[in-house]
N, C-alpha and C. Protein backbone atom coordinates (compact mmCIF):
# COMPACT_ATOMS: atom_id res chain seq x y z
N MET A 1 -107.82 152.40 -53.15
CA MET A 1 -106.64 152.38 -53.98
C MET A 1 -106.63 151.10 -54.82
N GLU A 2 -106.22 151.24 -56.04
CA GLU A 2 -106.20 150.13 -56.99
C GLU A 2 -105.11 149.12 -56.66
N PRO A 3 -105.40 147.83 -56.78
CA PRO A 3 -104.37 146.81 -56.51
C PRO A 3 -103.18 146.94 -57.46
N THR A 4 -102.03 146.49 -57.00
CA THR A 4 -100.82 146.54 -57.82
C THR A 4 -100.21 145.16 -58.03
N THR A 5 -100.83 144.13 -57.45
CA THR A 5 -100.34 142.76 -57.60
C THR A 5 -101.49 141.85 -57.99
N ALA A 6 -101.15 140.68 -58.52
CA ALA A 6 -102.18 139.70 -58.86
C ALA A 6 -102.96 139.30 -57.61
N GLU A 7 -102.26 139.15 -56.51
CA GLU A 7 -102.92 138.77 -55.26
C GLU A 7 -103.91 139.84 -54.81
N GLY A 8 -103.54 141.10 -54.99
CA GLY A 8 -104.43 142.20 -54.65
C GLY A 8 -105.69 142.19 -55.51
N TRP A 9 -105.52 141.93 -56.81
CA TRP A 9 -106.67 141.86 -57.71
C TRP A 9 -107.58 140.69 -57.32
N ILE A 10 -106.98 139.56 -56.96
CA ILE A 10 -107.78 138.40 -56.56
C ILE A 10 -108.57 138.71 -55.29
N ALA A 11 -107.96 139.40 -54.35
CA ALA A 11 -108.67 139.76 -53.12
C ALA A 11 -109.89 140.62 -53.43
N VAL A 12 -109.73 141.59 -54.33
CA VAL A 12 -110.86 142.43 -54.72
C VAL A 12 -111.90 141.61 -55.47
N ALA A 13 -111.46 140.72 -56.36
CA ALA A 13 -112.39 139.86 -57.10
C ALA A 13 -113.24 139.04 -56.13
N ASN A 14 -112.62 138.50 -55.12
CA ASN A 14 -113.35 137.67 -54.16
C ASN A 14 -114.33 138.51 -53.34
N GLU A 15 -113.97 139.74 -53.04
CA GLU A 15 -114.89 140.64 -52.33
C GLU A 15 -116.11 140.98 -53.20
N ARG A 16 -115.86 141.30 -54.47
CA ARG A 16 -116.98 141.62 -55.37
C ARG A 16 -117.87 140.40 -55.58
N ALA A 17 -117.29 139.20 -55.63
CA ALA A 17 -118.10 137.97 -55.76
C ALA A 17 -118.98 137.79 -54.52
N ALA A 18 -118.43 138.04 -53.36
CA ALA A 18 -119.21 137.94 -52.12
C ALA A 18 -120.32 138.99 -52.10
N ASP A 19 -120.01 140.19 -52.58
CA ASP A 19 -121.03 141.25 -52.68
C ASP A 19 -122.16 140.80 -53.60
N ALA A 20 -121.79 140.24 -54.76
CA ALA A 20 -122.79 139.79 -55.73
C ALA A 20 -123.70 138.73 -55.12
N GLU A 21 -123.11 137.78 -54.42
CA GLU A 21 -123.92 136.71 -53.80
C GLU A 21 -124.83 137.28 -52.72
N ALA A 22 -124.34 138.21 -51.94
CA ALA A 22 -125.17 138.81 -50.88
C ALA A 22 -126.34 139.60 -51.47
N ILE A 23 -126.08 140.36 -52.50
CA ILE A 23 -127.15 141.14 -53.14
C ILE A 23 -128.18 140.19 -53.74
N GLU A 24 -127.72 139.17 -54.45
CA GLU A 24 -128.65 138.23 -55.10
C GLU A 24 -129.51 137.52 -54.07
N LYS A 25 -128.92 137.16 -52.95
CA LYS A 25 -129.66 136.46 -51.90
C LYS A 25 -130.75 137.36 -51.31
N ASP A 26 -130.40 138.61 -51.07
CA ASP A 26 -131.32 139.55 -50.44
C ASP A 26 -132.33 140.14 -51.42
N ARG A 27 -131.88 140.38 -52.66
CA ARG A 27 -132.73 141.02 -53.68
C ARG A 27 -132.55 140.30 -55.02
N PRO A 28 -133.19 139.15 -55.19
CA PRO A 28 -132.96 138.31 -56.37
C PRO A 28 -133.28 138.96 -57.71
N ALA A 29 -134.08 139.99 -57.73
CA ALA A 29 -134.42 140.64 -59.00
C ALA A 29 -133.57 141.88 -59.27
N SER A 30 -132.61 142.15 -58.42
CA SER A 30 -131.77 143.35 -58.57
C SER A 30 -130.67 143.13 -59.60
N VAL A 31 -130.48 144.11 -60.46
CA VAL A 31 -129.39 144.07 -61.42
C VAL A 31 -128.04 144.20 -60.69
N GLY A 32 -128.06 144.70 -59.48
CA GLY A 32 -126.83 144.92 -58.72
C GLY A 32 -125.98 143.68 -58.55
N SER A 33 -126.61 142.53 -58.38
CA SER A 33 -125.83 141.30 -58.17
C SER A 33 -125.03 140.95 -59.42
N VAL A 34 -125.64 141.08 -60.59
CA VAL A 34 -124.96 140.73 -61.83
C VAL A 34 -123.90 141.80 -62.15
N TYR A 35 -124.20 143.03 -61.84
CA TYR A 35 -123.25 144.12 -62.02
C TYR A 35 -121.99 143.87 -61.19
N MET A 36 -122.16 143.53 -59.93
CA MET A 36 -121.01 143.26 -59.06
C MET A 36 -120.28 141.99 -59.48
N ALA A 37 -121.03 140.99 -59.94
CA ALA A 37 -120.40 139.75 -60.42
C ALA A 37 -119.47 140.05 -61.60
N GLY A 38 -119.88 140.98 -62.45
CA GLY A 38 -119.02 141.38 -63.57
C GLY A 38 -117.70 141.98 -63.10
N TYR A 39 -117.76 142.72 -62.01
CA TYR A 39 -116.52 143.28 -61.46
C TYR A 39 -115.62 142.18 -60.88
N ALA A 40 -116.22 141.13 -60.35
CA ALA A 40 -115.42 140.00 -59.87
C ALA A 40 -114.65 139.38 -61.04
N VAL A 41 -115.33 139.21 -62.17
CA VAL A 41 -114.68 138.66 -63.36
C VAL A 41 -113.59 139.62 -63.84
N GLU A 42 -113.89 140.91 -63.89
CA GLU A 42 -112.91 141.91 -64.31
C GLU A 42 -111.64 141.85 -63.46
N CYS A 43 -111.81 141.81 -62.17
CA CYS A 43 -110.64 141.79 -61.28
C CYS A 43 -109.86 140.49 -61.41
N SER A 44 -110.55 139.38 -61.64
CA SER A 44 -109.86 138.11 -61.87
C SER A 44 -109.03 138.18 -63.15
N LEU A 45 -109.60 138.75 -64.19
CA LEU A 45 -108.85 138.91 -65.45
C LEU A 45 -107.65 139.83 -65.26
N LYS A 46 -107.82 140.89 -64.52
CA LYS A 46 -106.69 141.80 -64.28
C LYS A 46 -105.60 141.12 -63.46
N ALA A 47 -105.98 140.22 -62.57
CA ALA A 47 -104.99 139.45 -61.82
C ALA A 47 -104.19 138.56 -62.76
N LEU A 48 -104.88 137.91 -63.69
CA LEU A 48 -104.20 137.05 -64.65
C LEU A 48 -103.26 137.86 -65.54
N LEU A 49 -103.72 138.98 -66.03
CA LEU A 49 -102.87 139.84 -66.86
C LEU A 49 -101.65 140.31 -66.06
N GLN A 50 -101.87 140.71 -64.83
CA GLN A 50 -100.77 141.16 -63.96
C GLN A 50 -99.74 140.04 -63.80
N LYS A 51 -100.23 138.84 -63.52
CA LYS A 51 -99.33 137.70 -63.30
C LYS A 51 -98.54 137.35 -64.55
N ARG A 52 -99.16 137.55 -65.71
CA ARG A 52 -98.50 137.23 -66.97
C ARG A 52 -97.65 138.39 -67.50
N GLY A 53 -97.64 139.50 -66.78
CA GLY A 53 -96.83 140.64 -67.21
C GLY A 53 -97.40 141.37 -68.40
N ILE A 54 -98.69 141.26 -68.61
CA ILE A 54 -99.36 141.91 -69.73
C ILE A 54 -99.92 143.24 -69.24
N PRO A 55 -99.64 144.34 -69.93
CA PRO A 55 -100.18 145.64 -69.50
C PRO A 55 -101.70 145.58 -69.34
N THR A 56 -102.16 146.13 -68.24
CA THR A 56 -103.57 146.07 -67.88
C THR A 56 -104.18 147.45 -67.91
N PRO A 57 -105.17 147.67 -68.79
CA PRO A 57 -105.86 148.96 -68.74
C PRO A 57 -106.67 149.03 -67.44
N THR A 58 -106.56 150.11 -66.73
CA THR A 58 -107.22 150.20 -65.43
C THR A 58 -108.29 151.29 -65.36
N SER A 59 -108.42 152.06 -66.42
CA SER A 59 -109.43 153.11 -66.38
C SER A 59 -110.09 153.25 -67.74
N GLY A 60 -111.18 153.98 -67.76
CA GLY A 60 -111.91 154.18 -69.00
C GLY A 60 -112.57 152.90 -69.47
N ALA A 61 -113.16 152.96 -70.64
CA ALA A 61 -113.90 151.82 -71.19
C ALA A 61 -113.03 150.58 -71.35
N LYS A 62 -111.78 150.75 -71.73
CA LYS A 62 -110.89 149.59 -71.92
C LYS A 62 -110.66 148.84 -70.61
N GLY A 63 -110.64 149.55 -69.52
CA GLY A 63 -110.40 148.92 -68.23
C GLY A 63 -111.55 148.07 -67.74
N HIS A 64 -112.72 148.21 -68.37
CA HIS A 64 -113.91 147.45 -67.96
C HIS A 64 -114.44 146.54 -69.06
N ASN A 65 -113.76 146.45 -70.18
CA ASN A 65 -114.22 145.64 -71.30
C ASN A 65 -113.76 144.20 -71.07
N LEU A 66 -114.66 143.37 -70.57
CA LEU A 66 -114.30 142.01 -70.19
C LEU A 66 -113.85 141.18 -71.39
N TYR A 67 -114.47 141.39 -72.54
CA TYR A 67 -114.06 140.66 -73.73
C TYR A 67 -112.61 140.99 -74.10
N GLU A 68 -112.26 142.26 -74.08
CA GLU A 68 -110.89 142.66 -74.44
C GLU A 68 -109.88 142.20 -73.40
N LEU A 69 -110.25 142.25 -72.13
CA LEU A 69 -109.35 141.74 -71.09
C LEU A 69 -109.13 140.23 -71.26
N TRP A 70 -110.22 139.51 -71.57
CA TRP A 70 -110.14 138.06 -71.83
C TRP A 70 -109.22 137.79 -73.02
N ARG A 71 -109.43 138.51 -74.08
CA ARG A 71 -108.63 138.34 -75.29
C ARG A 71 -107.15 138.64 -75.02
N ALA A 72 -106.89 139.71 -74.29
CA ALA A 72 -105.51 140.07 -73.97
C ALA A 72 -104.81 139.00 -73.14
N SER A 73 -105.59 138.27 -72.35
CA SER A 73 -105.02 137.23 -71.48
C SER A 73 -104.58 136.00 -72.27
N GLY A 74 -105.06 135.87 -73.51
CA GLY A 74 -104.70 134.72 -74.32
C GLY A 74 -105.64 133.53 -74.16
N LEU A 75 -106.67 133.69 -73.35
CA LEU A 75 -107.63 132.61 -73.17
C LEU A 75 -108.61 132.59 -74.34
N LYS A 76 -109.26 131.44 -74.52
CA LYS A 76 -110.23 131.28 -75.60
C LYS A 76 -111.57 130.85 -75.01
N PHE A 77 -112.65 131.18 -75.70
CA PHE A 77 -113.97 130.75 -75.25
C PHE A 77 -114.03 129.22 -75.18
N SER A 78 -113.33 128.56 -76.09
CA SER A 78 -113.33 127.10 -76.12
C SER A 78 -112.68 126.50 -74.87
N ASP A 79 -111.95 127.31 -74.10
CA ASP A 79 -111.36 126.83 -72.85
C ASP A 79 -112.43 126.59 -71.79
N LEU A 80 -113.59 127.22 -71.98
CA LEU A 80 -114.67 127.14 -70.98
C LEU A 80 -115.59 125.96 -71.26
N LYS A 81 -116.11 125.39 -70.20
CA LYS A 81 -117.18 124.40 -70.30
C LYS A 81 -118.44 125.14 -69.84
N ASP A 82 -119.13 125.75 -70.81
CA ASP A 82 -120.21 126.68 -70.47
C ASP A 82 -121.43 126.46 -71.36
N SER A 83 -122.02 125.30 -71.26
CA SER A 83 -123.16 125.00 -72.13
C SER A 83 -124.35 125.91 -71.85
N ALA A 84 -124.49 126.41 -70.63
CA ALA A 84 -125.61 127.30 -70.28
C ALA A 84 -125.38 128.74 -70.74
N GLY A 85 -124.15 129.11 -71.02
CA GLY A 85 -123.85 130.46 -71.46
C GLY A 85 -123.77 131.49 -70.35
N THR A 86 -123.73 131.05 -69.10
CA THR A 86 -123.71 131.99 -67.98
C THR A 86 -122.31 132.53 -67.70
N GLN A 87 -121.29 131.93 -68.27
CA GLN A 87 -119.94 132.47 -68.13
C GLN A 87 -119.61 133.39 -69.30
N THR A 88 -119.85 132.90 -70.52
CA THR A 88 -119.56 133.72 -71.69
C THR A 88 -120.44 134.97 -71.72
N PHE A 89 -121.58 134.93 -71.04
CA PHE A 89 -122.44 136.11 -70.92
C PHE A 89 -121.63 137.33 -70.47
N PHE A 90 -120.76 137.14 -69.49
CA PHE A 90 -119.99 138.26 -68.95
C PHE A 90 -118.97 138.78 -69.96
N LEU A 91 -118.44 137.90 -70.77
CA LEU A 91 -117.44 138.29 -71.76
C LEU A 91 -118.09 138.95 -72.97
N GLU A 92 -119.32 138.60 -73.24
CA GLU A 92 -120.00 139.12 -74.43
C GLU A 92 -120.96 140.27 -74.14
N ASP A 93 -121.61 140.27 -72.97
CA ASP A 93 -122.73 141.18 -72.75
C ASP A 93 -122.63 142.11 -71.54
N TRP A 94 -121.80 141.80 -70.57
CA TRP A 94 -121.76 142.60 -69.34
C TRP A 94 -121.36 144.04 -69.68
N ASN A 95 -121.95 144.98 -68.94
CA ASN A 95 -121.74 146.38 -69.29
C ASN A 95 -121.80 147.25 -68.03
N THR A 96 -120.87 148.18 -67.91
CA THR A 96 -120.87 149.07 -66.74
C THR A 96 -122.06 150.01 -66.74
N ALA A 97 -122.72 150.20 -67.87
CA ALA A 97 -123.90 151.07 -67.93
C ALA A 97 -125.05 150.52 -67.09
N TRP A 98 -124.97 149.26 -66.71
CA TRP A 98 -126.03 148.67 -65.88
C TRP A 98 -126.13 149.32 -64.51
N ARG A 99 -125.14 150.09 -64.13
CA ARG A 99 -125.22 150.76 -62.83
C ARG A 99 -126.40 151.73 -62.77
N TYR A 100 -126.92 152.10 -63.95
CA TYR A 100 -128.05 153.02 -64.00
C TYR A 100 -129.38 152.31 -64.19
N GLU A 101 -129.37 151.00 -64.30
CA GLU A 101 -130.60 150.23 -64.54
C GLU A 101 -131.32 149.93 -63.22
N THR A 102 -132.63 149.90 -63.31
CA THR A 102 -133.43 149.49 -62.14
C THR A 102 -134.03 148.11 -62.34
N ASN A 103 -134.05 147.65 -63.58
CA ASN A 103 -134.56 146.31 -63.89
C ASN A 103 -133.49 145.52 -64.61
N LEU A 104 -133.59 144.21 -64.53
CA LEU A 104 -132.62 143.35 -65.20
C LEU A 104 -132.68 143.60 -66.72
N PRO A 105 -131.56 144.05 -67.33
CA PRO A 105 -131.56 144.38 -68.75
C PRO A 105 -131.23 143.18 -69.65
N PHE A 106 -131.22 141.98 -69.10
CA PHE A 106 -130.84 140.82 -69.87
C PHE A 106 -131.97 139.79 -69.81
N LYS A 107 -132.02 138.98 -70.82
CA LYS A 107 -133.07 137.96 -70.93
C LYS A 107 -132.43 136.58 -70.99
N GLY A 108 -133.19 135.60 -70.58
CA GLY A 108 -132.74 134.22 -70.75
C GLY A 108 -132.04 133.60 -69.56
N HIS A 109 -131.55 134.41 -68.64
CA HIS A 109 -130.87 133.88 -67.45
C HIS A 109 -131.37 134.62 -66.23
N SER A 110 -131.45 133.92 -65.12
CA SER A 110 -131.78 134.59 -63.86
C SER A 110 -130.52 135.21 -63.28
N ALA A 111 -130.70 136.17 -62.40
CA ALA A 111 -129.55 136.77 -61.72
C ALA A 111 -128.79 135.70 -60.95
N LYS A 112 -129.51 134.78 -60.33
CA LYS A 112 -128.87 133.71 -59.56
C LYS A 112 -127.96 132.87 -60.46
N ASP A 113 -128.45 132.50 -61.65
CA ASP A 113 -127.63 131.70 -62.57
C ASP A 113 -126.42 132.49 -63.06
N LEU A 114 -126.61 133.77 -63.33
CA LEU A 114 -125.49 134.59 -63.81
C LEU A 114 -124.45 134.81 -62.73
N VAL A 115 -124.87 135.02 -61.49
CA VAL A 115 -123.91 135.17 -60.39
C VAL A 115 -123.11 133.87 -60.23
N ALA A 116 -123.78 132.74 -60.35
CA ALA A 116 -123.08 131.45 -60.27
C ALA A 116 -122.12 131.29 -61.45
N GLY A 117 -122.54 131.73 -62.64
CA GLY A 117 -121.66 131.66 -63.81
C GLY A 117 -120.43 132.53 -63.65
N ALA A 118 -120.61 133.72 -63.09
CA ALA A 118 -119.47 134.61 -62.85
C ALA A 118 -118.51 133.99 -61.84
N LYS A 119 -119.07 133.34 -60.84
CA LYS A 119 -118.22 132.68 -59.84
C LYS A 119 -117.39 131.57 -60.50
N ASP A 120 -118.04 130.76 -61.34
CA ASP A 120 -117.33 129.70 -62.05
C ASP A 120 -116.26 130.28 -62.97
N LEU A 121 -116.59 131.36 -63.65
CA LEU A 121 -115.63 132.00 -64.55
C LEU A 121 -114.44 132.56 -63.78
N SER A 122 -114.70 133.21 -62.66
CA SER A 122 -113.61 133.75 -61.83
C SER A 122 -112.72 132.63 -61.31
N ILE A 123 -113.34 131.53 -60.89
CA ILE A 123 -112.55 130.38 -60.42
C ILE A 123 -111.68 129.85 -61.54
N PHE A 124 -112.24 129.72 -62.73
CA PHE A 124 -111.46 129.25 -63.89
C PHE A 124 -110.26 130.16 -64.13
N ILE A 125 -110.49 131.46 -64.15
CA ILE A 125 -109.42 132.42 -64.40
C ILE A 125 -108.36 132.34 -63.31
N GLN A 126 -108.79 132.29 -62.06
CA GLN A 126 -107.83 132.23 -60.96
C GLN A 126 -107.05 130.92 -60.96
N ARG A 127 -107.64 129.85 -61.44
CA ARG A 127 -106.90 128.58 -61.58
C ARG A 127 -105.79 128.71 -62.61
N GLN A 128 -106.00 129.52 -63.64
CA GLN A 128 -104.96 129.73 -64.64
C GLN A 128 -103.74 130.39 -64.01
N ILE A 129 -103.97 131.25 -63.07
CA ILE A 129 -102.87 131.91 -62.36
C ILE A 129 -102.10 130.90 -61.53
N ARG A 130 -102.82 130.10 -60.77
CA ARG A 130 -102.17 129.10 -59.90
C ARG A 130 -101.49 128.02 -60.72
N PHE A 131 -102.12 127.56 -61.81
CA PHE A 131 -101.54 126.52 -62.65
C PHE A 131 -100.22 126.98 -63.25
N ARG A 132 -100.21 128.18 -63.76
CA ARG A 132 -99.01 128.72 -64.39
C ARG A 132 -97.88 128.87 -63.36
N THR A 133 -98.21 129.28 -62.15
CA THR A 133 -97.21 129.44 -61.11
C THR A 133 -96.61 128.08 -60.73
N ARG A 134 -97.46 127.06 -60.56
CA ARG A 134 -96.97 125.71 -60.22
C ARG A 134 -96.11 125.15 -61.33
N THR A 135 -96.51 125.37 -62.58
CA THR A 135 -95.75 124.86 -63.71
C THR A 135 -94.36 125.49 -63.74
N ARG A 136 -94.26 126.77 -63.50
CA ARG A 136 -92.96 127.45 -63.49
C ARG A 136 -92.07 126.91 -62.38
N ARG A 137 -92.63 126.67 -61.22
CA ARG A 137 -91.82 126.16 -60.09
C ARG A 137 -91.25 124.79 -60.40
N ARG A 138 -92.01 123.94 -61.06
CA ARG A 138 -91.54 122.59 -61.38
C ARG A 138 -90.40 122.63 -62.39
N LYS A 139 -90.41 123.59 -63.29
CA LYS A 139 -89.40 123.65 -64.34
C LYS A 139 -88.05 124.13 -63.82
N LYS A 140 -88.05 124.78 -62.67
CA LYS A 140 -86.79 125.35 -62.14
C LYS A 140 -85.89 124.28 -61.60
C-alpha cells in the first residue's frame, strides 16, 4: 500500500536505499542498485511534497519523473553541492525503463558512485523536511 504521510514516504525511501546498497555490494555491475536508488530519491521527493502540501503524482510517468518531482518541490540544482554529478544524474537521467536492462545503461559513473550520490541526494531532501519543520516550530 502506498504511503499517505511524509514519514511513510521516508520509511520507504530508506528501505529502497538499503536495497540499493545491498544489491550494489553483492552485484556491483547490476543496474538494479541504481534503479532502486532512484526509487529512494523518488520517495524522498514525495515525502517533501507531502510535507509541503503539494499534490504528489503517484502513478504513471509523472509519478516517477524525478526532475518534475524536484521542480514541483521548489528546490534548485544550485542547492546541491554535486561536483561529481552523481546526484543530479538521478534528476536528469534516471528512468524506470531500466527495469528491463541487463547491463548498466549509463556511462561515466560506477554503480557504487551513483548509489552513494542517491544516498546523499535523499539525505539532502530529507533534511529539507526536518529543517522546515524546526523552523515552523520556532516561529510559533
